[in-house]
Structures are given as C-alpha cells and as structure tokens.
Amino acid sequence: MPYRTIATLQSWIDDFRTLGYDDAGILRVIPQDGDGDSDTGLIAARLRSVSTTFYVAPETEPGATGWAVTFEPRENAAPLGSARVLALSGELAMLSALCTFLQGRAEAFVNART
C-alpha cells in the first residue's frame, strides 16, 4: 500500500487541516513498525476532552481502502460532564470525517494506478 508512506500521509493530513476542523491540529503522522525498511506511517493524537490516545490506520485486507480508528486502552474510568462529552463528540466527528477523507484519497490513489 504505497499510499501509507509518511510523506503521503503527512500531505493528506495537511490537506485535511485546510478543511477547517477545529480539532485537526491534534493529528500527527508517526512511523509505523513495518517490514524491513518500509516507510509506512500511522496518524496519531491524544484527544483533548479525555486523556485517550488513538491512531488511525488503513484496513489491512488486500485491496481495502477503508480506514479505522483504534483507541488505546485506558487504565482508569473517565467520567465526563456534559461539556466534556460535547467536546468529545466534536473530536469524534472530526475523526469520522478524517476516516472518510482518507478513504477517498486512498480510493483515488488506487484508481489512478489502475
């Protein structure tokens, strides 16, 4: 999946930020442990409304262009008041939009190569 290179993912995140999502500033591209010298990356961040780390990565099935959010496990419960739940809903909406955006970019990448 050549569209998983760190440079490609970074350019897609930069493009996504121009769409105006308030929380897109928390996103960063990090290297992913890959086979050999592969240059693959993941998109990671820490949510602002609750101390939860997540990463966004493409689905791994051959030919798949979908993306999924994986939330890291937490050690403690995280009770949230209504204001923080509202903030969390905005962050989750941004993550959903990001996955849709990345899927569109991945599909365009795959279709351009065929």
Protein backbone atom coordinates (compact mmCIF):
# COMPACT_ATOMS: atom_id res chain seq x y z
CA MET A 1 0.00 0.00 0.00
CA PRO A 2 2.23 2.85 -1.20
CA TYR A 3 -0.28 5.43 -0.02
CA ARG A 4 0.81 4.69 3.54
CA THR A 5 4.17 6.41 3.25
CA ILE A 6 4.88 9.01 5.90
CA ALA A 7 5.20 11.78 3.30
CA THR A 8 1.89 10.89 1.62
CA LEU A 9 0.04 10.67 4.93
CA GLN A 10 1.51 13.98 6.05
CA SER A 11 0.38 15.71 2.85
CA TRP A 12 -3.12 14.26 3.28
CA ILE A 13 -3.26 15.45 6.91
CA ASP A 14 -2.10 18.90 5.79
CA ASP A 15 -4.90 18.94 3.19
CA PHE A 16 -7.44 17.77 5.78
CA ARG A 17 -6.45 20.60 8.14
CA THR A 18 -7.32 23.14 5.43
CA LEU A 19 -10.95 21.96 5.60
CA GLY A 20 -11.35 23.89 8.86
CA TYR A 21 -11.93 21.22 11.51
CA ASP A 22 -11.16 22.86 14.86
CA ASP A 23 -9.60 19.70 16.31
CA ALA A 24 -7.47 18.74 13.28
CA GLY A 25 -4.43 20.33 14.92
CA ILE A 26 -4.10 17.35 17.27
CA LEU A 27 -3.30 14.99 14.37
CA ARG A 28 0.26 13.89 13.64
CA VAL A 29 1.86 11.28 11.43
CA ILE A 30 4.14 8.81 13.17
CA PRO A 31 6.29 5.99 11.80
CA GLN A 32 4.75 2.55 11.91
CA ASP A 33 6.81 -0.51 12.59
CA GLY A 34 6.89 -2.20 9.23
CA ASP A 35 8.72 -4.93 7.39
CA GLY A 36 12.35 -4.13 6.78
CA ASP A 37 12.96 -0.57 5.69
CA SER A 38 9.35 0.21 4.83
CA ASP A 39 8.33 3.85 5.08
CA THR A 40 4.82 3.40 6.46
CA GLY A 41 3.04 5.63 8.90
CA LEU A 42 0.02 5.99 11.13
CA ILE A 43 -1.95 9.02 12.17
CA ALA A 44 -1.99 9.50 15.92
CA ALA A 45 -3.10 12.03 18.51
CA ARG A 46 -4.28 12.46 22.06
CA LEU A 47 -7.85 13.64 22.47
CA ARG A 48 -8.24 16.97 24.28
CA SER A 49 -11.53 16.25 26.04
CA VAL A 50 -10.39 12.98 27.62
CA SER A 51 -6.88 11.59 28.02
CA THR A 52 -7.20 8.86 25.44
CA THR A 53 -4.67 8.18 22.72
CA PHE A 54 -5.77 6.80 19.36
CA TYR A 55 -4.35 6.03 15.98
CA VAL A 56 -5.88 5.92 12.51
CA ALA A 57 -4.70 3.28 10.05
CA PRO A 58 -5.88 1.72 6.81
CA GLU A 59 -7.69 -1.58 6.90
CA THR A 60 -5.28 -4.40 6.16
CA GLU A 61 -7.29 -6.64 3.82
CA PRO A 62 -5.90 -6.78 0.28
CA GLY A 63 -7.49 -4.08 -1.87
CA ALA A 64 -9.19 -2.37 1.10
CA THR A 65 -9.26 1.42 1.09
CA GLY A 66 -11.17 1.96 4.34
CA TRP A 67 -9.62 3.46 7.47
CA ALA A 68 -10.29 2.71 11.13
CA VAL A 69 -9.72 4.47 14.44
CA THR A 70 -8.17 2.39 17.23
CA PHE A 71 -8.43 3.77 20.75
CA GLU A 72 -5.63 2.80 23.12
CA PRO A 73 -6.78 1.06 26.32
CA ARG A 74 -7.25 3.11 29.46
CA GLU A 75 -6.29 2.10 32.98
CA ASN A 76 -8.93 4.19 34.73
CA ALA A 77 -12.53 5.17 34.15
CA ALA A 78 -13.06 8.62 32.65
CA PRO A 79 -16.26 10.23 33.94
CA LEU A 80 -17.18 13.25 31.83
CA GLY A 81 -19.56 16.10 32.49
CA SER A 82 -21.86 17.35 29.76
CA ALA A 83 -19.41 19.98 28.47
CA ARG A 84 -16.63 17.44 28.05
CA VAL A 85 -18.99 14.95 26.40
CA LEU A 86 -19.93 17.69 23.92
CA ALA A 87 -16.23 18.41 23.28
CA LEU A 88 -15.59 14.68 22.82
CA SER A 89 -18.44 14.42 20.32
CA GLY A 90 -16.77 17.15 18.24
CA GLU A 91 -13.45 15.32 18.31
CA LEU A 92 -15.14 12.06 17.31
CA ALA A 93 -16.98 13.81 14.48
CA MET A 94 -13.63 15.10 13.22
CA LEU A 95 -12.18 11.55 13.38
CA SER A 96 -15.12 10.22 11.40
CA ALA A 97 -14.63 12.93 8.77
CA LEU A 98 -10.90 12.16 8.70
CA CYS A 99 -11.54 8.46 8.00
CA THR A 100 -13.94 9.36 5.18
CA PHE A 101 -11.41 11.85 3.77
CA LEU A 102 -8.58 9.30 3.92
CA GLN A 103 -10.72 6.62 2.29
CA GLY A 104 -11.49 8.99 -0.58
CA ARG A 105 -7.80 9.77 -1.01
CA ALA A 106 -6.86 6.07 -0.86
CA GLU A 107 -9.52 5.16 -3.44
CA ALA A 108 -8.31 7.93 -5.77
CA PHE A 109 -4.73 6.72 -5.32
CA VAL A 110 -5.64 3.12 -6.14
CA ASN A 111 -7.84 4.10 -9.10
CA ALA A 112 -5.09 6.31 -10.56
CA ARG A 113 -2.74 3.33 -10.58
CA THR A 114 -5.14 1.01 -12.41
